[in-house]
């Protein structure tokens, strides 16, 4: 069920700040000024630049393929000695 629409009146301080309250502390937001002068504040998730590679379509596809493979492939115990021999060759 959708939460009820909530309207609050806030005053911009002399330093240009608006307090949204402790419930929003530490969250990242996008602040958009609309053509009619209104402001829209939207919560966002920020991906660090060095991790953007993990959020590409190629990686998502690989993860989906792995998850599909995992559901159809039974687990088996690994023979560590055999694996080591194969890696050394």
Protein backbone atom coordinates (compact mmCIF):
# COMPACT_ATOMS: atom_id res chain seq x y z
CA UNK A 1 0.00 0.00 0.00
CA UNK A 2 1.31 3.45 -0.90
CA UNK A 3 2.24 5.80 1.88
CA UNK A 4 0.03 8.88 2.29
CA UNK A 5 1.16 12.08 0.59
CA UNK A 6 2.95 14.30 3.10
CA UNK A 7 3.56 18.03 2.82
CA UNK A 8 5.80 19.98 5.21
CA UNK A 9 6.70 23.65 5.23
CA UNK A 10 10.44 24.31 5.65
CA UNK A 11 12.41 27.56 5.85
CA UNK A 12 15.77 27.97 4.16
CA UNK A 13 18.32 29.15 6.71
CA UNK A 14 20.54 32.22 6.27
CA UNK A 15 23.34 29.87 5.14
CA UNK A 16 21.08 28.37 2.43
CA UNK A 17 20.35 25.05 4.14
CA UNK A 18 17.15 23.09 4.62
CA UNK A 19 16.90 20.42 7.32
CA UNK A 20 14.99 17.33 6.29
CA UNK A 21 15.35 15.69 9.72
CA UNK A 22 17.44 12.93 11.22
CA UNK A 23 15.51 10.22 9.36
CA UNK A 24 17.28 11.35 6.17
CA UNK A 25 20.75 11.91 7.68
CA UNK A 26 23.57 10.53 5.54
CA UNK A 27 21.40 9.77 2.51
CA UNK A 28 22.38 10.90 -0.97
CA UNK A 29 19.78 12.91 -2.87
CA UNK A 30 19.36 14.46 -6.28
CA UNK A 31 18.12 18.04 -6.10
CA UNK A 32 16.32 19.17 -9.24
CA UNK A 33 14.97 22.65 -9.89
CA UNK A 34 11.91 22.43 -12.13
CA UNK A 35 11.09 25.09 -14.76
CA UNK A 36 8.20 26.42 -12.67
CA UNK A 37 10.55 27.12 -9.71
CA UNK A 38 9.68 24.06 -7.62
CA UNK A 39 12.41 21.81 -6.23
CA UNK A 40 12.26 18.03 -6.35
CA UNK A 41 14.42 16.00 -3.95
CA UNK A 42 14.88 12.36 -4.95
CA UNK A 43 16.79 9.74 -2.92
CA UNK A 44 19.57 8.14 -5.01
CA UNK A 45 22.22 5.47 -4.68
CA UNK A 46 25.70 6.54 -5.70
CA UNK A 47 28.08 4.05 -7.33
CA UNK A 48 31.77 4.89 -6.86
CA UNK A 49 33.53 5.37 -10.20
CA UNK A 50 35.92 2.48 -9.58
CA UNK A 51 32.96 0.08 -9.16
CA UNK A 52 30.92 1.15 -12.21
CA UNK A 53 32.26 -1.85 -14.16
CA UNK A 54 30.25 -4.14 -11.87
CA UNK A 55 27.01 -2.43 -12.88
CA UNK A 56 27.29 -2.96 -16.63
CA UNK A 57 24.98 -5.05 -18.78
CA UNK A 58 27.84 -7.48 -19.51
CA UNK A 59 28.42 -8.22 -15.83
CA UNK A 60 24.69 -8.50 -15.15
CA UNK A 61 24.43 -11.04 -17.98
CA UNK A 62 27.34 -13.07 -16.59
CA UNK A 63 25.77 -13.10 -13.12
CA UNK A 64 22.39 -14.24 -14.53
CA UNK A 65 24.11 -17.04 -16.49
CA UNK A 66 25.98 -18.15 -13.39
CA UNK A 67 22.81 -18.19 -11.27
CA UNK A 68 21.02 -20.26 -13.93
CA UNK A 69 23.99 -22.68 -14.13
CA UNK A 70 24.10 -22.92 -10.33
CA UNK A 71 20.47 -24.01 -10.10
CA UNK A 72 20.94 -26.86 -12.62
CA UNK A 73 24.44 -28.05 -11.67
CA UNK A 74 24.80 -30.25 -8.60
CA UNK A 75 27.53 -29.39 -6.14
CA UNK A 76 30.49 -31.72 -5.93
CA UNK A 77 33.50 -31.89 -3.69
CA UNK A 78 36.71 -30.54 -5.22
CA UNK A 79 39.77 -32.77 -5.30
CA UNK A 80 42.32 -30.12 -4.30
CA UNK A 81 45.34 -32.26 -5.20
CA UNK A 82 43.97 -32.93 -8.70
CA UNK A 83 43.15 -29.26 -9.17
CA UNK A 84 46.64 -28.24 -8.09
CA UNK A 85 48.19 -30.71 -10.56
CA UNK A 86 46.04 -29.32 -13.39
CA UNK A 87 46.99 -25.73 -12.54
CA UNK A 88 50.73 -26.48 -12.35
CA UNK A 89 50.85 -28.18 -15.78
